[in-house]
C-alpha cells in the first residue's frame, strides 16, 4: 500500500508539473455542450462545481487556510482536503475504478491540492461529455476495503459527492469572508464568468 501511495504521489506530481505552465481550468465555465442528455447535464454540474471551486480558492492566504469558525469545526485547509476526496470519488466513478478505503492522505501543498482538484473535475467533465448516456448505468460509485466491496448507483453521486462538494465550497467562501478575504464580487456563478 505504501508503494502505491508513493507511485500515486509521483504520478500526481508529474501531472501537476506538466500543467504548471498551463492555465488552470474553470477560471470561466466552459461553453455548454451542443447535446442535451444525462451525461452532458451531469458534466455541466461538474463544471459548475469547478467554477465555484476555482473562485472560492483563488487568492487564499495561509491565514484563510488555517481559519476555522469554532473549536469543533474544520479549518478551510481541512475542508479543501475533504473536497479533494469528494472530487476523487466523482472522477473514479466515471473512470469506472474503485475508491480504495481507507484512503491514504497524500502530503500536498495548497497549490498542489487545488490544481489536482480542478483537474479531477475537468477530467470527469470531459469523460461525461464524451460518453453515451447509456453508460450512466456503468458509472457506479465503488468503495473497496480489502476484499470487501460496496457499490452504489450513479444516482448517489448527485446527492452524495457532487452535492456535498458544492456545499463545502460554500463553506470555504463563508470562512474566507470571516478571515477577512472575501470572495471576488465580480464572479457571477450564474453566467460562469467574471464581470469586467
N, C-alpha and C. Protein backbone atom coordinates (compact mmCIF):
# COMPACT_ATOMS: atom_id res chain seq x y z
N UNK A 1 0.83 -1.19 0.00
CA UNK A 1 0.00 0.00 0.00
C UNK A 1 0.87 1.25 0.00
N UNK A 2 1.99 1.19 0.75
CA UNK A 2 2.88 2.35 0.80
C UNK A 2 3.48 2.62 -0.58
N UNK A 3 3.86 1.55 -1.30
CA UNK A 3 4.43 1.71 -2.65
C UNK A 3 3.40 2.34 -3.57
N UNK A 4 2.13 1.92 -3.44
CA UNK A 4 1.06 2.52 -4.25
C UNK A 4 0.96 4.01 -3.99
N UNK A 5 1.04 4.41 -2.72
CA UNK A 5 0.96 5.82 -2.35
C UNK A 5 2.12 6.61 -2.94
N UNK A 6 3.30 6.04 -2.91
CA UNK A 6 4.48 6.71 -3.47
C UNK A 6 4.32 6.88 -4.97
N UNK A 7 3.87 5.81 -5.65
CA UNK A 7 3.66 5.89 -7.09
C UNK A 7 2.57 6.89 -7.45
N UNK A 8 1.50 6.91 -6.66
CA UNK A 8 0.41 7.86 -6.91
C UNK A 8 0.90 9.30 -6.72
N UNK A 9 1.67 9.55 -5.67
CA UNK A 9 2.21 10.88 -5.44
C UNK A 9 3.13 11.30 -6.58
N UNK A 10 3.96 10.37 -7.06
CA UNK A 10 4.84 10.67 -8.19
C UNK A 10 4.03 11.00 -9.44
N UNK A 11 2.97 10.24 -9.68
CA UNK A 11 2.13 10.48 -10.86
C UNK A 11 1.45 11.85 -10.77
N UNK A 12 0.94 12.18 -9.59
CA UNK A 12 0.27 13.48 -9.40
C UNK A 12 1.28 14.60 -9.58
N UNK A 13 2.46 14.45 -9.00
CA UNK A 13 3.49 15.48 -9.11
C UNK A 13 3.89 15.68 -10.57
N UNK A 14 4.07 14.59 -11.31
CA UNK A 14 4.41 14.69 -12.73
C UNK A 14 3.29 15.37 -13.50
N UNK A 15 2.06 14.96 -13.23
CA UNK A 15 0.90 15.54 -13.90
C UNK A 15 0.80 17.04 -13.62
N UNK A 16 0.96 17.39 -12.35
CA UNK A 16 0.84 18.80 -11.98
C UNK A 16 2.00 19.62 -12.55
N UNK A 17 3.17 19.03 -12.61
CA UNK A 17 4.32 19.72 -13.20
C UNK A 17 4.07 20.03 -14.66
N UNK A 18 3.47 19.09 -15.37
CA UNK A 18 3.16 19.29 -16.79
C UNK A 18 2.10 20.38 -16.95
N UNK A 19 1.25 20.52 -15.96
CA UNK A 19 0.18 21.50 -16.03
C UNK A 19 0.60 22.87 -15.52
N UNK A 20 1.81 22.96 -14.94
CA UNK A 20 2.23 24.19 -14.28
C UNK A 20 2.16 25.42 -15.17
N UNK A 21 2.58 25.29 -16.41
CA UNK A 21 2.57 26.42 -17.31
C UNK A 21 1.21 26.62 -17.96
N UNK A 22 0.33 25.66 -17.84
CA UNK A 22 -1.00 25.77 -18.43
C UNK A 22 -1.91 26.53 -17.46
N UNK A 23 -2.88 27.20 -18.02
CA UNK A 23 -3.86 27.90 -17.20
C UNK A 23 -4.75 26.86 -16.53
N UNK A 24 -5.05 27.08 -15.28
CA UNK A 24 -5.92 26.15 -14.57
C UNK A 24 -7.32 26.18 -15.17
N UNK A 25 -7.98 25.03 -15.19
CA UNK A 25 -9.35 25.02 -15.70
C UNK A 25 -10.31 25.74 -14.74
N UNK A 26 -11.39 26.19 -15.32
CA UNK A 26 -12.53 26.75 -14.60
C UNK A 26 -12.39 28.19 -14.15
N UNK A 27 -11.46 28.93 -14.74
CA UNK A 27 -11.45 30.37 -14.49
C UNK A 27 -12.76 30.96 -15.01
N UNK A 28 -13.24 30.40 -16.11
CA UNK A 28 -14.60 30.66 -16.59
C UNK A 28 -15.23 29.29 -16.81
N UNK A 29 -16.54 29.26 -16.80
CA UNK A 29 -17.21 27.99 -17.04
C UNK A 29 -17.16 27.72 -18.54
N UNK A 30 -16.90 26.48 -18.94
CA UNK A 30 -16.85 26.17 -20.38
C UNK A 30 -18.21 26.40 -21.05
N UNK A 31 -18.17 26.55 -22.36
CA UNK A 31 -19.42 26.63 -23.10
C UNK A 31 -20.24 25.37 -22.84
N UNK A 32 -21.54 25.54 -22.85
CA UNK A 32 -22.36 24.35 -22.61
C UNK A 32 -22.31 23.44 -23.83
N UNK A 33 -22.51 22.15 -23.60
CA UNK A 33 -22.43 21.18 -24.70
C UNK A 33 -23.52 21.41 -25.74
N UNK A 34 -23.26 20.94 -26.94
CA UNK A 34 -24.25 21.05 -28.03
C UNK A 34 -25.42 20.12 -27.80
N UNK A 35 -25.14 18.98 -27.17
CA UNK A 35 -26.16 17.96 -26.97
C UNK A 35 -26.66 17.99 -25.53
N UNK A 36 -27.95 17.81 -25.37
CA UNK A 36 -28.58 17.81 -24.05
C UNK A 36 -28.97 16.37 -23.72
N UNK A 37 -28.23 15.74 -22.81
CA UNK A 37 -28.57 14.39 -22.37
C UNK A 37 -28.09 14.20 -20.94
N UNK A 38 -28.30 13.03 -20.39
CA UNK A 38 -27.95 12.78 -18.99
C UNK A 38 -26.47 13.06 -18.71
N UNK A 39 -25.59 12.64 -19.60
CA UNK A 39 -24.15 12.82 -19.40
C UNK A 39 -23.76 14.29 -19.43
N UNK A 40 -24.32 15.04 -20.40
CA UNK A 40 -23.93 16.44 -20.52
C UNK A 40 -24.52 17.28 -19.39
N UNK A 41 -25.67 16.90 -18.87
CA UNK A 41 -26.25 17.61 -17.73
C UNK A 41 -25.36 17.43 -16.51
N UNK A 42 -24.93 16.21 -16.24
CA UNK A 42 -24.06 15.97 -15.09
C UNK A 42 -22.71 16.65 -15.32
N UNK A 43 -22.21 16.62 -16.54
CA UNK A 43 -20.94 17.31 -16.84
C UNK A 43 -21.06 18.80 -16.51
N UNK A 44 -22.22 19.38 -16.82
CA UNK A 44 -22.42 20.80 -16.52
C UNK A 44 -22.45 21.04 -15.02
N UNK A 45 -23.01 20.11 -14.26
CA UNK A 45 -22.98 20.22 -12.81
C UNK A 45 -21.53 20.20 -12.30
N UNK A 46 -20.73 19.32 -12.88
CA UNK A 46 -19.32 19.22 -12.51
C UNK A 46 -18.61 20.52 -12.88
N UNK A 47 -18.91 21.06 -14.06
CA UNK A 47 -18.31 22.33 -14.46
C UNK A 47 -18.70 23.46 -13.50
N UNK A 48 -19.96 23.47 -13.09
CA UNK A 48 -20.40 24.49 -12.13
C UNK A 48 -19.65 24.38 -10.82
N UNK A 49 -19.42 23.16 -10.36
CA UNK A 49 -18.63 22.94 -9.15
C UNK A 49 -17.20 23.42 -9.38
N UNK A 50 -16.62 23.09 -10.54
CA UNK A 50 -15.26 23.51 -10.83
C UNK A 50 -15.11 25.02 -10.83
N UNK A 51 -16.06 25.73 -11.42
CA UNK A 51 -16.03 27.20 -11.47
C UNK A 51 -16.12 27.78 -10.06
N UNK A 52 -17.05 27.27 -9.27
CA UNK A 52 -17.19 27.76 -7.90
C UNK A 52 -15.93 27.47 -7.08
N UNK A 53 -15.39 26.26 -7.25
CA UNK A 53 -14.18 25.89 -6.51
C UNK A 53 -13.01 26.79 -6.90
N UNK A 54 -12.84 27.02 -8.20
CA UNK A 54 -11.75 27.87 -8.68
C UNK A 54 -11.77 29.21 -7.94
N UNK A 55 -12.93 29.86 -7.94
CA UNK A 55 -13.01 31.20 -7.37
C UNK A 55 -13.08 31.20 -5.85
N UNK A 56 -13.61 30.16 -5.26
CA UNK A 56 -13.61 30.06 -3.79
C UNK A 56 -12.19 29.93 -3.26
N UNK A 57 -11.30 29.33 -4.06
CA UNK A 57 -9.93 29.07 -3.61
C UNK A 57 -8.92 30.05 -4.17
N UNK A 58 -9.31 30.88 -5.12
CA UNK A 58 -8.39 31.84 -5.73
C UNK A 58 -7.95 32.87 -4.69
N UNK A 59 -6.64 33.00 -4.51
CA UNK A 59 -6.11 34.03 -3.62
C UNK A 59 -6.22 33.72 -2.14
N UNK A 60 -6.43 32.46 -1.79
CA UNK A 60 -6.47 32.13 -0.36
C UNK A 60 -5.08 32.31 0.25
N UNK A 61 -5.06 32.89 1.43
CA UNK A 61 -3.81 33.13 2.16
C UNK A 61 -3.65 32.06 3.24
N UNK A 62 -2.48 31.98 3.82
CA UNK A 62 -2.25 31.00 4.90
C UNK A 62 -3.24 31.20 6.04
N UNK A 63 -3.51 32.46 6.40
CA UNK A 63 -4.46 32.70 7.50
C UNK A 63 -5.87 32.27 7.13
N UNK A 64 -6.22 32.33 5.84
CA UNK A 64 -7.53 31.83 5.40
C UNK A 64 -7.58 30.31 5.54
N UNK A 65 -6.50 29.65 5.13
CA UNK A 65 -6.46 28.19 5.16
C UNK A 65 -6.52 27.65 6.58
N UNK A 66 -5.98 28.40 7.54
CA UNK A 66 -5.95 27.95 8.93
C UNK A 66 -7.20 28.36 9.71
N UNK A 67 -8.03 29.20 9.11
CA UNK A 67 -9.22 29.69 9.80
C UNK A 67 -10.23 28.57 10.00
N UNK A 68 -10.84 28.57 11.18
CA UNK A 68 -12.00 27.70 11.43
C UNK A 68 -12.95 28.46 12.34
N UNK A 69 -14.26 28.29 12.10
CA UNK A 69 -15.24 29.09 12.81
C UNK A 69 -15.43 28.72 14.29
N UNK A 70 -14.95 27.57 14.69
CA UNK A 70 -15.09 27.15 16.08
C UNK A 70 -14.19 25.96 16.38
N UNK A 71 -14.09 25.63 17.66
CA UNK A 71 -13.19 24.56 18.08
C UNK A 71 -13.51 23.20 17.46
N UNK A 72 -14.77 22.93 17.22
CA UNK A 72 -15.19 21.63 16.69
C UNK A 72 -15.22 21.59 15.16
N UNK A 73 -14.96 22.71 14.52
CA UNK A 73 -15.08 22.82 13.06
C UNK A 73 -13.77 22.48 12.36
N UNK A 74 -13.88 22.20 11.07
CA UNK A 74 -12.70 22.02 10.22
C UNK A 74 -12.12 23.38 9.86
N UNK A 75 -10.81 23.40 9.60
CA UNK A 75 -10.21 24.60 9.02
C UNK A 75 -10.57 24.63 7.54
N UNK A 76 -10.31 25.75 6.90
CA UNK A 76 -10.53 25.82 5.45
C UNK A 76 -9.65 24.80 4.74
N UNK A 77 -8.40 24.63 5.18
CA UNK A 77 -7.50 23.65 4.56
C UNK A 77 -8.05 22.23 4.69
N UNK A 78 -8.58 21.90 5.86
CA UNK A 78 -9.17 20.57 6.06
C UNK A 78 -10.42 20.39 5.20
N UNK A 79 -11.19 21.46 5.04
CA UNK A 79 -12.38 21.40 4.18
C UNK A 79 -11.97 21.18 2.74
N UNK A 80 -10.90 21.84 2.30
CA UNK A 80 -10.41 21.66 0.92
C UNK A 80 -9.87 20.25 0.71
N UNK A 81 -9.28 19.68 1.73
CA UNK A 81 -8.82 18.29 1.64
C UNK A 81 -10.02 17.35 1.46
N UNK A 82 -11.09 17.63 2.17
CA UNK A 82 -12.32 16.83 2.04
C UNK A 82 -12.92 16.98 0.64
N UNK A 83 -12.96 18.20 0.13
CA UNK A 83 -13.48 18.43 -1.23
C UNK A 83 -12.64 17.67 -2.25
N UNK A 84 -11.34 17.68 -2.07
CA UNK A 84 -10.43 16.93 -2.95
C UNK A 84 -10.82 15.45 -2.98
N UNK A 85 -11.09 14.88 -1.81
CA UNK A 85 -11.51 13.48 -1.73
C UNK A 85 -12.84 13.24 -2.42
N UNK A 86 -13.79 14.15 -2.25
CA UNK A 86 -15.10 14.02 -2.91
C UNK A 86 -14.95 14.07 -4.42
N UNK A 87 -14.11 14.97 -4.91
CA UNK A 87 -13.90 15.09 -6.36
C UNK A 87 -13.19 13.86 -6.92
N UNK A 88 -12.36 13.23 -6.10
CA UNK A 88 -11.73 11.98 -6.49
C UNK A 88 -12.79 10.88 -6.68
N UNK A 89 -13.77 10.85 -5.80
CA UNK A 89 -14.86 9.87 -5.92
C UNK A 89 -15.64 10.10 -7.22
N UNK A 90 -15.90 11.37 -7.54
CA UNK A 90 -16.61 11.70 -8.78
C UNK A 90 -15.81 11.19 -9.98
N UNK A 91 -14.52 11.49 -10.01
CA UNK A 91 -13.68 11.07 -11.13
C UNK A 91 -13.59 9.55 -11.22
N UNK A 92 -13.36 8.90 -10.10
CA UNK A 92 -13.25 7.43 -10.11
C UNK A 92 -14.52 6.78 -10.63
N UNK A 93 -15.65 7.35 -10.31
CA UNK A 93 -16.93 6.81 -10.77
C UNK A 93 -17.00 6.79 -12.29
N UNK A 94 -16.68 7.92 -12.93
CA UNK A 94 -16.78 7.96 -14.39
C UNK A 94 -15.62 7.24 -15.07
N UNK A 95 -14.53 7.02 -14.34
CA UNK A 95 -13.42 6.23 -14.89
C UNK A 95 -13.64 4.73 -14.65
N UNK A 96 -14.69 4.42 -13.87
CA UNK A 96 -15.07 3.04 -13.55
C UNK A 96 -13.97 2.33 -12.76
N UNK A 97 -13.40 3.05 -11.80
CA UNK A 97 -12.40 2.45 -10.91
C UNK A 97 -12.86 2.60 -9.47
N UNK A 98 -12.50 1.65 -8.60
CA UNK A 98 -12.95 1.72 -7.21
C UNK A 98 -12.19 2.78 -6.41
N UNK A 99 -12.82 3.22 -5.36
CA UNK A 99 -12.20 4.10 -4.37
C UNK A 99 -11.67 3.20 -3.26
N UNK A 100 -10.37 3.17 -3.09
CA UNK A 100 -9.74 2.29 -2.10
C UNK A 100 -9.87 2.94 -0.72
N UNK A 101 -10.35 2.16 0.24
CA UNK A 101 -10.51 2.61 1.62
C UNK A 101 -9.75 1.69 2.55
N UNK A 102 -9.11 2.19 3.59
CA UNK A 102 -9.00 3.62 3.85
C UNK A 102 -8.06 4.26 2.85
N UNK A 103 -8.36 5.48 2.49
CA UNK A 103 -7.51 6.18 1.53
C UNK A 103 -6.37 6.83 2.28
N UNK A 104 -5.20 6.77 1.68
CA UNK A 104 -4.05 7.41 2.30
C UNK A 104 -4.04 8.87 1.89
N UNK A 105 -3.88 9.75 2.85
CA UNK A 105 -3.83 11.18 2.57
C UNK A 105 -2.42 11.54 2.13
N UNK A 106 -2.30 11.98 0.90
CA UNK A 106 -1.01 12.39 0.38
C UNK A 106 -0.68 13.80 0.86
N UNK A 107 0.57 14.00 1.20
CA UNK A 107 1.02 15.33 1.59
C UNK A 107 1.08 16.20 0.34
N UNK A 108 0.31 17.26 0.33
CA UNK A 108 0.30 18.20 -0.79
C UNK A 108 0.26 19.61 -0.25
N UNK A 109 0.85 20.51 -1.00
CA UNK A 109 0.68 21.91 -0.66
C UNK A 109 -0.72 22.33 -1.07
N UNK A 110 -1.13 23.50 -0.63
CA UNK A 110 -2.43 24.02 -1.04
C UNK A 110 -2.51 24.13 -2.55
N UNK A 111 -1.47 24.69 -3.18
CA UNK A 111 -1.48 24.85 -4.64
C UNK A 111 -1.57 23.51 -5.36
N UNK A 112 -0.85 22.51 -4.88
CA UNK A 112 -0.91 21.17 -5.50
C UNK A 112 -2.30 20.57 -5.37
N UNK A 113 -2.89 20.69 -4.18
CA UNK A 113 -4.22 20.13 -3.97
C UNK A 113 -5.26 20.87 -4.81
N UNK A 114 -5.13 22.18 -4.91
CA UNK A 114 -6.06 22.97 -5.71
C UNK A 114 -5.99 22.54 -7.17
N UNK A 115 -4.78 22.44 -7.71
CA UNK A 115 -4.61 22.01 -9.11
C UNK A 115 -5.18 20.62 -9.32
N UNK A 116 -4.84 19.70 -8.43
CA UNK A 116 -5.32 18.32 -8.57
C UNK A 116 -6.84 18.28 -8.56
N UNK A 117 -7.47 19.01 -7.66
CA UNK A 117 -8.93 19.02 -7.56
C UNK A 117 -9.55 19.57 -8.84
N UNK A 118 -9.02 20.68 -9.34
CA UNK A 118 -9.56 21.26 -10.57
C UNK A 118 -9.38 20.31 -11.76
N UNK A 119 -8.25 19.63 -11.83
CA UNK A 119 -8.04 18.70 -12.94
C UNK A 119 -8.86 17.42 -12.78
N UNK A 120 -9.14 17.00 -11.54
CA UNK A 120 -10.07 15.87 -11.33
C UNK A 120 -11.43 16.23 -11.94
N UNK A 121 -11.90 17.44 -11.64
CA UNK A 121 -13.21 17.86 -12.13
C UNK A 121 -13.21 18.00 -13.65
N UNK A 122 -12.16 18.58 -14.19
CA UNK A 122 -12.07 18.74 -15.65
C UNK A 122 -12.08 17.39 -16.34
N UNK A 123 -11.30 16.44 -15.84
CA UNK A 123 -11.27 15.11 -16.46
C UNK A 123 -12.63 14.42 -16.36
N UNK A 124 -13.27 14.52 -15.20
CA UNK A 124 -14.60 13.91 -15.03
C UNK A 124 -15.59 14.52 -16.01
N UNK A 125 -15.58 15.84 -16.14
CA UNK A 125 -16.48 16.51 -17.07
C UNK A 125 -16.20 16.08 -18.51
N UNK A 126 -14.94 16.02 -18.89
CA UNK A 126 -14.59 15.62 -20.26
C UNK A 126 -15.06 14.19 -20.56
N UNK A 127 -14.89 13.29 -19.60
CA UNK A 127 -15.35 11.91 -19.79
C UNK A 127 -16.86 11.89 -19.97
N UNK A 128 -17.56 12.60 -19.11
CA UNK A 128 -19.02 12.63 -19.20
C UNK A 128 -19.49 13.20 -20.53
N UNK A 129 -18.87 14.28 -20.98
CA UNK A 129 -19.29 14.92 -22.24
C UNK A 129 -19.09 14.00 -23.43
N UNK A 130 -18.11 13.12 -23.35
CA UNK A 130 -17.84 12.23 -24.49
C UNK A 130 -18.49 10.86 -24.34
N UNK A 131 -19.28 10.68 -23.29
CA UNK A 131 -19.91 9.39 -23.03
C UNK A 131 -21.29 9.29 -23.64
N UNK A 132 -21.70 8.07 -23.85
CA UNK A 132 -23.05 7.78 -24.30
C UNK A 132 -23.94 7.72 -23.06
N UNK A 133 -25.12 8.34 -23.08
CA UNK A 133 -25.99 8.32 -21.90
C UNK A 133 -26.28 6.92 -21.36
N UNK A 134 -26.21 5.90 -22.21
CA UNK A 134 -26.45 4.54 -21.74
C UNK A 134 -25.35 4.09 -20.77
N UNK A 135 -24.19 4.74 -20.85
CA UNK A 135 -23.08 4.40 -19.95
C UNK A 135 -23.31 4.86 -18.52
N UNK A 136 -24.27 5.75 -18.29
CA UNK A 136 -24.52 6.26 -16.94
C UNK A 136 -24.72 5.12 -15.95
N UNK A 137 -25.34 4.04 -16.41
CA UNK A 137 -25.56 2.90 -15.53
C UNK A 137 -24.27 2.20 -15.13
N UNK A 138 -23.18 2.47 -15.84
CA UNK A 138 -21.89 1.87 -15.53
C UNK A 138 -21.03 2.75 -14.63
N UNK A 139 -21.46 3.99 -14.40
CA UNK A 139 -20.67 4.94 -13.61
C UNK A 139 -21.00 4.83 -12.12
N UNK A 140 -20.99 3.62 -11.63
CA UNK A 140 -21.30 3.40 -10.22
C UNK A 140 -20.18 3.90 -9.33
N UNK A 141 -20.52 4.18 -8.08
CA UNK A 141 -19.52 4.50 -7.07
C UNK A 141 -19.17 3.19 -6.38
N UNK A 142 -17.90 2.85 -6.40
CA UNK A 142 -17.44 1.60 -5.78
C UNK A 142 -16.42 1.94 -4.70
N UNK A 143 -16.66 1.43 -3.50
CA UNK A 143 -15.71 1.56 -2.40
C UNK A 143 -15.13 0.18 -2.13
N UNK A 144 -13.82 0.09 -2.15
CA UNK A 144 -13.12 -1.18 -1.93
C UNK A 144 -12.34 -1.07 -0.62
N UNK A 145 -12.65 -1.97 0.31
CA UNK A 145 -11.95 -2.03 1.59
C UNK A 145 -11.45 -3.46 1.74
N UNK A 146 -10.16 -3.65 1.43
CA UNK A 146 -9.62 -5.01 1.45
C UNK A 146 -10.33 -5.86 0.41
N UNK A 147 -10.89 -6.97 0.84
CA UNK A 147 -11.62 -7.86 -0.06
C UNK A 147 -13.10 -7.49 -0.17
N UNK A 148 -13.55 -6.54 0.63
CA UNK A 148 -14.96 -6.15 0.65
C UNK A 148 -15.20 -4.96 -0.27
N UNK A 149 -16.27 -5.06 -1.03
CA UNK A 149 -16.60 -4.01 -1.98
C UNK A 149 -18.05 -3.58 -1.79
N UNK A 150 -18.29 -2.28 -1.83
CA UNK A 150 -19.64 -1.72 -1.77
C UNK A 150 -19.87 -0.92 -3.04
N UNK A 151 -21.02 -1.12 -3.66
CA UNK A 151 -21.30 -0.44 -4.92
C UNK A 151 -22.62 0.30 -4.83
N UNK A 152 -22.61 1.53 -5.35
CA UNK A 152 -23.79 2.38 -5.33
C UNK A 152 -24.04 2.92 -6.73
N UNK A 153 -25.31 3.09 -7.11
CA UNK A 153 -25.61 3.61 -8.46
C UNK A 153 -25.20 5.08 -8.58
N UNK A 154 -25.07 5.53 -9.81
CA UNK A 154 -24.65 6.89 -10.08
C UNK A 154 -25.58 7.91 -9.42
N UNK A 155 -26.82 7.56 -9.20
CA UNK A 155 -27.76 8.47 -8.54
C UNK A 155 -27.17 9.01 -7.24
N UNK A 156 -26.46 8.14 -6.51
CA UNK A 156 -25.86 8.56 -5.25
C UNK A 156 -24.79 9.63 -5.45
N UNK A 157 -24.22 9.68 -6.64
CA UNK A 157 -23.22 10.71 -6.96
C UNK A 157 -23.83 12.10 -6.87
N UNK A 158 -25.09 12.22 -7.32
CA UNK A 158 -25.75 13.52 -7.37
C UNK A 158 -26.03 14.07 -5.98
N UNK A 159 -26.66 13.26 -5.13
CA UNK A 159 -26.99 13.73 -3.78
C UNK A 159 -25.84 13.52 -2.80
N UNK A 160 -24.82 12.76 -3.22
CA UNK A 160 -23.67 12.49 -2.36
C UNK A 160 -22.51 13.41 -2.69
N UNK A 161 -21.45 12.87 -3.30
CA UNK A 161 -20.22 13.64 -3.50
C UNK A 161 -20.39 14.97 -4.24
N UNK A 162 -21.19 15.01 -5.30
CA UNK A 162 -21.34 16.28 -6.03
C UNK A 162 -22.01 17.35 -5.17
N UNK A 163 -23.15 17.02 -4.59
CA UNK A 163 -23.85 18.00 -3.75
C UNK A 163 -23.03 18.36 -2.52
N UNK A 164 -22.35 17.37 -1.95
CA UNK A 164 -21.53 17.62 -0.76
C UNK A 164 -20.37 18.55 -1.08
N UNK A 165 -19.73 18.35 -2.23
CA UNK A 165 -18.61 19.22 -2.61
C UNK A 165 -19.09 20.66 -2.82
N UNK A 166 -20.24 20.82 -3.46
CA UNK A 166 -20.79 22.17 -3.66
C UNK A 166 -21.07 22.83 -2.30
N UNK A 167 -21.65 22.06 -1.40
CA UNK A 167 -21.95 22.52 -0.04
C UNK A 167 -20.68 23.03 0.63
N UNK A 168 -19.61 22.23 0.54
CA UNK A 168 -18.36 22.60 1.22
C UNK A 168 -17.65 23.77 0.55
N UNK A 169 -17.78 23.92 -0.75
CA UNK A 169 -17.22 25.10 -1.42
C UNK A 169 -17.88 26.35 -0.84
N UNK A 170 -19.18 26.29 -0.60
CA UNK A 170 -19.86 27.42 0.04
C UNK A 170 -19.30 27.71 1.42
N UNK A 171 -18.94 26.67 2.15
CA UNK A 171 -18.33 26.87 3.47
C UNK A 171 -16.98 27.59 3.34
N UNK A 172 -16.20 27.21 2.33
CA UNK A 172 -14.91 27.86 2.12
C UNK A 172 -15.12 29.35 1.84
N UNK A 173 -16.13 29.68 1.04
CA UNK A 173 -16.43 31.08 0.74
C UNK A 173 -16.79 31.82 2.04
N UNK A 174 -17.61 31.22 2.87
CA UNK A 174 -18.01 31.83 4.14
C UNK A 174 -16.80 32.01 5.05
N UNK A 175 -15.95 30.97 5.13
CA UNK A 175 -14.79 31.06 6.01
C UNK A 175 -13.78 32.11 5.52
N UNK A 176 -13.61 32.23 4.21
CA UNK A 176 -12.66 33.25 3.73
C UNK A 176 -13.20 34.64 4.01
N UNK A 177 -14.50 34.83 3.96
CA UNK A 177 -15.08 36.12 4.34
C UNK A 177 -14.81 36.40 5.82
N UNK A 178 -14.99 35.36 6.62
CA UNK A 178 -14.80 35.50 8.06
C UNK A 178 -13.35 35.78 8.42
N UNK A 179 -12.41 35.32 7.60
CA UNK A 179 -10.99 35.57 7.89
C UNK A 179 -10.49 36.84 7.20
N UNK A 180 -11.40 37.62 6.61
CA UNK A 180 -11.04 38.92 6.07
C UNK A 180 -10.59 38.92 4.62
N UNK A 181 -10.93 37.89 3.86
CA UNK A 181 -10.52 37.80 2.46
C UNK A 181 -11.72 37.38 1.62
N UNK A 182 -12.67 38.30 1.38
CA UNK A 182 -13.92 37.91 0.73
C UNK A 182 -13.74 37.42 -0.71
N UNK A 183 -14.71 36.64 -1.12
CA UNK A 183 -14.85 36.11 -2.48
C UNK A 183 -14.94 37.28 -3.46
N UNK A 184 -14.35 37.14 -4.61
CA UNK A 184 -14.35 38.19 -5.64
C UNK A 184 -15.80 38.52 -6.02
N UNK A 185 -16.23 39.74 -5.76
CA UNK A 185 -17.62 40.12 -6.02
C UNK A 185 -17.95 40.24 -7.50
N UNK A 186 -16.94 40.19 -8.37
CA UNK A 186 -17.19 40.27 -9.81
C UNK A 186 -17.47 38.89 -10.42
N UNK A 187 -17.33 37.84 -9.64
CA UNK A 187 -17.58 36.49 -10.13
C UNK A 187 -19.09 36.26 -10.19
N UNK A 188 -19.58 35.87 -11.34
CA UNK A 188 -21.01 35.56 -11.50
C UNK A 188 -21.16 34.05 -11.66
N UNK A 189 -21.66 33.39 -10.62
CA UNK A 189 -21.87 31.95 -10.73
C UNK A 189 -23.03 31.64 -11.67
N UNK A 190 -23.89 32.63 -11.93
CA UNK A 190 -24.99 32.44 -12.87
C UNK A 190 -24.48 32.36 -14.31
N UNK A 191 -23.62 33.29 -14.69
CA UNK A 191 -23.12 33.30 -16.06
C UNK A 191 -21.85 32.47 -16.23
N UNK A 192 -21.17 32.18 -15.13
CA UNK A 192 -19.93 31.43 -15.21
C UNK A 192 -18.77 32.27 -15.72
N UNK A 193 -18.86 33.55 -15.49
CA UNK A 193 -17.83 34.48 -15.96
C UNK A 193 -17.53 35.50 -14.87
N UNK A 194 -16.46 36.23 -15.08
CA UNK A 194 -16.10 37.32 -14.17
C UNK A 194 -16.47 38.62 -14.86
N UNK A 195 -17.31 39.42 -14.18
CA UNK A 195 -17.74 40.70 -14.75
C UNK A 195 -16.57 41.66 -14.84
N UNK A 196 -16.55 42.47 -15.87
CA UNK A 196 -15.49 43.49 -16.05
C UNK A 196 -15.68 44.61 -15.08
